[in-house]
């Protein structure tokens, strides 16, 4: 099912990037390719815990498209955009100002971002480095707990069992909403 495979990743990224929880969804889940026996498409409108709105679309039926993960977050100060195909660039489009492109370890890098960058500014990083960071940070947290030492706070930003539980609840709400013809459903 597309929600269990890639929808949970979209949900986790949304929560991590915004710091918000999904409160309600109005969703449709289904099959685009007639011969498939599992869902290959899901789309949902989202109501966030602070009243913000969002949407997402995941599919395993976009012929010719590779992993096209794109994230856009808009607020009163501007918009952030990131595209997996160009992982080294984060666009910030401030309201009333020219667009800016942020790069790993470039000017203005915040401590958590610097902790997650493995190379010097100007060189691209990719998808596998993100997983290396997750595993490295989880390993550091486990080693610190075993040694009865505090872990580096910058190494504590990886998904845990609670994130998994929230992901399962999100998938359940999307599935229930779709089964009820897209009715708003609490997560």
Protein backbone atom coordinates (compact mmCIF):
# COMPACT_ATOMS: atom_id res chain seq x y z
CA UNK A 1 0.00 0.00 0.00
CA UNK A 2 1.34 3.39 -1.02
CA UNK A 3 0.56 5.00 2.36
CA UNK A 4 2.55 2.43 4.32
CA UNK A 5 5.41 2.56 1.84
CA UNK A 6 5.88 6.27 1.14
CA UNK A 7 2.99 8.09 2.83
CA UNK A 8 4.51 7.49 6.25
CA UNK A 9 7.75 9.14 5.06
CA UNK A 10 5.83 12.22 3.89
CA UNK A 11 4.07 12.36 7.27
CA UNK A 12 7.34 12.03 9.21
CA UNK A 13 9.05 14.74 7.14
CA UNK A 14 6.09 17.08 7.58
CA UNK A 15 6.21 16.66 11.37
CA UNK A 16 10.00 16.97 11.55
CA UNK A 17 10.24 20.06 9.37
CA UNK A 18 7.30 22.00 10.78
CA UNK A 19 7.21 20.74 14.37
CA UNK A 20 3.44 20.39 13.94
CA UNK A 21 1.08 17.43 14.22
CA UNK A 22 -1.61 16.52 11.70
CA UNK A 23 -4.96 16.93 13.44
CA UNK A 24 -7.35 15.95 10.61
CA UNK A 25 -7.23 14.61 7.07
CA UNK A 26 -9.65 14.50 4.14
CA UNK A 27 -8.22 11.84 1.87
CA UNK A 28 -8.62 9.62 -1.14
CA UNK A 29 -6.68 6.37 -1.50
CA UNK A 30 -6.98 4.11 -4.49
CA UNK A 31 -5.56 2.34 -7.48
CA UNK A 32 -4.62 4.12 -10.70
CA UNK A 33 -3.14 1.09 -12.49
CA UNK A 34 -6.09 -1.30 -13.02
CA UNK A 35 -4.05 -4.50 -12.64
CA UNK A 36 -2.64 -3.56 -9.22
CA UNK A 37 -4.07 -5.27 -6.16
CA UNK A 38 -2.76 -2.70 -3.66
CA UNK A 39 -3.25 1.05 -3.49
CA UNK A 40 -0.83 3.00 -5.66
CA UNK A 41 -2.21 6.51 -5.09
CA UNK A 42 -3.15 8.69 -2.11
CA UNK A 43 -3.88 12.36 -1.77
CA UNK A 44 -5.05 14.32 1.25
CA UNK A 45 -5.85 17.75 2.53
CA UNK A 46 -4.45 18.29 6.01
CA UNK A 47 -5.46 20.37 9.00
CA UNK A 48 -2.50 20.90 11.30
CA UNK A 49 -2.49 21.20 15.10
CA UNK A 50 -2.00 25.00 14.93
CA UNK A 51 -4.73 25.58 12.32
CA UNK A 52 -2.37 25.63 9.31
CA UNK A 53 -3.49 23.78 6.18
CA UNK A 54 -1.53 21.45 3.98
CA UNK A 55 -1.79 18.82 1.30
CA UNK A 56 0.16 15.83 0.10
CA UNK A 57 0.14 13.45 -2.81
CA UNK A 58 1.97 10.14 -3.03
CA UNK A 59 1.91 7.64 -5.88
CA UNK A 60 3.61 4.60 -7.28
CA UNK A 61 1.84 5.10 -10.60
CA UNK A 62 3.62 8.11 -12.13
CA UNK A 63 5.16 6.46 -15.19
CA UNK A 64 8.71 7.58 -15.89
CA UNK A 65 9.07 9.55 -12.66
CA UNK A 66 11.80 8.61 -10.26
CA UNK A 67 11.74 9.62 -6.58
CA UNK A 68 10.30 13.09 -7.04
CA UNK A 69 10.06 14.16 -3.41
CA UNK A 70 9.30 17.87 -3.13
CA UNK A 71 8.50 19.86 -0.02
CA UNK A 72 7.03 23.35 0.10
CA UNK A 73 6.18 25.18 3.32
CA UNK A 74 4.63 28.63 3.11
CA UNK A 75 4.02 31.04 5.97
CA UNK A 76 3.57 34.75 6.59
CA UNK A 77 7.31 35.46 6.13
CA UNK A 78 7.81 33.48 2.94
CA UNK A 79 8.19 30.01 1.47
CA UNK A 80 10.79 27.23 1.83
CA UNK A 81 11.18 24.72 -1.03
CA UNK A 82 13.32 21.59 -1.30
CA UNK A 83 13.54 19.06 -4.15
CA UNK A 84 15.13 15.65 -3.65
CA UNK A 85 16.62 15.77 -7.15
CA UNK A 86 18.67 18.81 -6.05
CA UNK A 87 19.31 17.89 -2.40
CA UNK A 88 22.06 20.43 -1.83
CA UNK A 89 19.73 23.43 -2.36
CA UNK A 90 17.02 24.84 -0.09
CA UNK A 91 15.17 27.82 -1.55
CA UNK A 92 13.88 30.55 0.70
CA UNK A 93 11.52 32.94 -1.00
CA UNK A 94 10.94 35.77 1.47
CA UNK A 95 7.87 37.94 1.11
CA UNK A 96 8.95 41.13 -0.65
CA UNK A 97 12.59 40.09 -1.15
CA UNK A 98 14.68 38.20 -3.72
CA UNK A 99 14.80 34.41 -3.45
CA UNK A 100 17.76 32.92 -1.59
CA UNK A 101 19.36 29.50 -2.02
CA UNK A 102 20.86 27.84 1.05
CA UNK A 103 23.44 25.07 0.68
CA UNK A 104 25.02 22.58 3.12
CA UNK A 105 27.55 24.33 5.38
CA UNK A 106 27.00 27.57 3.46
CA UNK A 107 26.57 31.01 5.01
CA UNK A 108 23.95 31.12 7.76
CA UNK A 109 24.01 27.38 8.46
CA UNK A 110 22.32 26.53 11.76
CA UNK A 111 23.97 24.11 14.27
CA UNK A 112 21.63 21.16 13.53
CA UNK A 113 22.22 21.57 9.79
CA UNK A 114 26.00 21.79 10.28
CA UNK A 115 25.88 18.65 12.47
CA UNK A 116 24.11 16.82 9.63
CA UNK A 117 26.48 17.93 6.85
CA UNK A 118 29.35 15.59 6.09
CA UNK A 119 31.24 17.71 3.56
CA UNK A 120 32.41 21.27 3.10
CA UNK A 121 30.27 23.94 1.48
CA UNK A 122 29.92 23.80 -2.28
CA UNK A 123 29.74 20.02 -2.67
CA UNK A 124 26.47 18.13 -3.15
CA UNK A 125 25.13 15.74 -0.56
CA UNK A 126 22.48 13.16 -1.19
CA UNK A 127 19.81 10.83 0.02
CA UNK A 128 22.12 8.17 1.45
CA UNK A 129 23.86 10.75 3.65
CA UNK A 130 20.50 11.44 5.32
CA UNK A 131 20.20 7.78 6.32
CA UNK A 132 23.84 7.74 7.44
CA UNK A 133 23.02 10.67 9.74
CA UNK A 134 19.99 8.86 11.18
CA UNK A 135 21.94 5.67 11.89
CA UNK A 136 24.96 7.55 13.26
CA UNK A 137 22.80 9.65 15.58
CA UNK A 138 20.80 6.65 16.79
CA UNK A 139 24.06 4.81 17.45
CA UNK A 140 25.42 7.77 19.40
CA UNK A 141 22.26 7.97 21.51
CA UNK A 142 22.40 4.22 22.26
CA UNK A 143 26.10 4.39 23.18
CA UNK A 144 25.51 7.41 25.44
CA UNK A 145 22.64 5.65 27.23
CA UNK A 146 24.76 2.51 27.75
CA UNK A 147 27.61 4.63 29.12
CA UNK A 148 25.14 6.53 31.32
CA UNK A 149 26.30 9.75 29.65
CA UNK A 150 24.19 12.50 28.09
CA UNK A 151 24.01 12.29 24.30
CA UNK A 152 24.88 15.24 22.09
CA UNK A 153 21.53 17.10 21.78
CA UNK A 154 22.19 17.58 18.07
CA UNK A 155 22.26 13.78 17.69
CA UNK A 156 18.74 13.29 19.05
CA UNK A 157 16.72 14.21 15.96
CA UNK A 158 15.93 10.77 14.60
CA UNK A 159 12.56 8.98 14.44
CA UNK A 160 11.59 6.89 17.46
CA UNK A 161 8.79 4.48 18.38
CA UNK A 162 6.40 7.36 19.04
CA UNK A 163 7.03 8.71 15.53
CA UNK A 164 6.22 5.24 14.18
CA UNK A 165 2.99 5.11 16.18
CA UNK A 166 1.96 8.55 14.91
CA UNK A 167 2.73 7.41 11.36
CA UNK A 168 0.47 4.36 11.75
CA UNK A 169 -2.31 6.56 13.15
CA UNK A 170 -1.89 8.92 10.19
CA UNK A 171 -2.14 6.06 7.68
CA UNK A 172 -5.22 4.75 9.51
CA UNK A 173 -6.92 8.18 9.40
CA UNK A 174 -6.14 8.58 5.68
CA UNK A 175 -7.57 5.12 4.97
CA UNK A 176 -10.71 5.76 7.05
CA UNK A 177 -11.23 9.16 5.40
CA UNK A 178 -10.93 7.63 1.95
CA UNK A 179 -13.37 4.84 2.84
CA UNK A 180 -15.84 7.54 3.98
CA UNK A 181 -15.54 9.37 0.62
CA UNK A 182 -12.99 11.93 1.84
CA UNK A 183 -14.76 13.09 4.99
CA UNK A 184 -12.56 15.04 7.44
CA UNK A 185 -11.17 12.46 9.86
CA UNK A 186 -9.29 13.02 13.11
CA UNK A 187 -5.83 11.51 13.33
